[in-house]
C-alpha atoms as a PDB file:
ATOM      1  CA  MET A   1      48.735 170.799 178.975  1.00  0.00           C
ATOM      2  CA  SER A   2      50.599 172.214 176.098  1.00  0.00           C
ATOM      3  CA  LEU A   3      49.766 171.770 171.692  1.00  0.00           C
ATOM      4  CA  PRO A   4      51.512 168.538 171.149  1.00  0.00           C
ATOM      5  CA  ILE A   5      50.469 166.713 173.958  1.00  0.00           C
ATOM      6  CA  VAL A   6      47.253 167.959 172.805  1.00  0.00           C
ATOM      7  CA  LEU A   7      47.256 167.336 169.285  1.00  0.00           C
ATOM      8  CA  ILE A   8      49.295 163.517 170.002  1.00  0.00           C
ATOM      9  CA  ILE A   9      46.690 162.662 172.063  1.00  0.00           C
ATOM     10  CA  ILE A  10      43.787 164.164 168.636  1.00  0.00           C
ATOM     11  CA  LEU A  11      45.815 162.270 166.066  1.00  0.00           C
ATOM     12  CA  THR A  12      45.986 158.429 168.143  1.00  0.00           C
ATOM     13  CA  ILE A  13      41.986 158.566 168.795  1.00  0.00           C
ATOM     14  CA  MET A  14      41.996 160.089 164.921  1.00  0.00           C
ATOM     15  CA  GLY A  15      44.667 156.535 164.078  1.00  0.00           C
ATOM     16  CA  ILE A  16      42.709 154.227 165.889  1.00  0.00           C
ATOM     17  CA  PHE A  17      38.796 155.869 164.575  1.00  0.00           C
ATOM     18  CA  ALA A  18      40.002 154.991 160.674  1.00  0.00           C
ATOM     19  CA  PHE A  19      42.097 151.544 161.900  1.00  0.00           C
ATOM     20  CA  SER A  20      38.527 150.624 162.966  1.00  0.00           C
ATOM     21  CA  ILE A  21      36.936 151.640 160.197  1.00  0.00           C
ATOM     22  CA  ILE A  22      39.525 149.786 158.409  1.00  0.00           C
ATOM     23  CA  LEU A  23      39.054 146.265 159.102  1.00  0.00           C
ATOM     24  CA  LEU A  24      35.714 146.565 159.530  1.00  0.00           C
ATOM     25  CA  ALA A  25      34.948 147.108 155.651  1.00  0.00           C
ATOM     26  CA  ARG A  26      37.323 144.280 155.208  1.00  0.00           C
ATOM     27  CA  LYS A  27      35.362 142.154 157.524  1.00  0.00           C
ATOM     28  CA  ASN A  28      32.019 142.818 155.669  1.00  0.00           C
ATOM     29  CA  SER A  29      33.713 143.015 152.063  1.00  0.00           C
ATOM     30  CA  VAL A  30      32.693 146.211 151.333  1.00  0.00           C
ATOM     31  CA  SER A  31      33.643 147.308 147.821  1.00  0.00           C
ATOM     32  CA  LEU A  32      34.724 151.027 145.947  1.00  0.00           C
ATOM     33  CA  LYS A  33      34.042 149.843 143.015  1.00  0.00           C
ATOM     34  CA  GLN A  34      31.282 150.111 141.068  1.00  0.00           C
ATOM     35  CA  THR A  35      29.179 147.196 140.094  1.00  0.00           C
ATOM     36  CA  ASP A  36      26.999 146.824 137.433  1.00  0.00           C
ATOM     37  CA  ASP A  37      23.615 145.327 137.022  1.00  0.00           C
ATOM     38  CA  SER A  38      23.090 142.706 135.011  1.00  0.00           C
ATOM     39  CA  LYS A  39      18.899 142.871 134.316  1.00  0.00           C
ATOM     40  CA  PRO A  40      18.431 146.583 133.896  1.00  0.00           C
ATOM     41  CA  ILE A  41      15.400 147.643 134.748  1.00  0.00           C
ATOM     42  CA  ARG A  42      12.718 149.264 132.842  1.00  0.00           C
ATOM     43  CA  THR A  43      11.347 152.024 133.283  1.00  0.00           C
ATOM     44  CA  TYR A  44       8.059 153.280 132.006  1.00  0.00           C
ATOM     45  CA  LYS A  45       6.748 156.911 130.640  1.00  0.00           C
ATOM     46  CA  ASN A  46       4.189 159.260 130.751  1.00  0.00           C
ATOM     47  CA  GLY A  47       2.071 156.847 134.051  1.00  0.00           C
ATOM     48  CA  GLU A  48       1.882 153.872 131.125  1.00  0.00           C
ATOM     49  CA  GLN A  49       1.357 150.410 134.499  1.00  0.00           C
ATOM     50  CA  LYS A  50       3.255 146.819 133.943  1.00  0.00           C
ATOM     51  CA  GLN A  51       1.322 144.777 132.374  1.00  0.00           C
ATOM     52  CA  GLN A  52       0.305 141.138 134.747  1.00  0.00           C
END
C-alpha cells in the first residue's frame, strides 16, 4: 500500500474514535467546567479529630 492510502485509513480511524468519544461525552453529560462545592470540607491540622 502506498503512503497516502495508509494516511487516509489512519485519519479515518482516528476520526471515528474522536466522533464516538464526543457522542459518549454528550450522552453522559460530561461537563468541562469545574464545579465548586457548595459546602467545603473542613480540614484538620495537627492531628485534631472531628468531634462527634
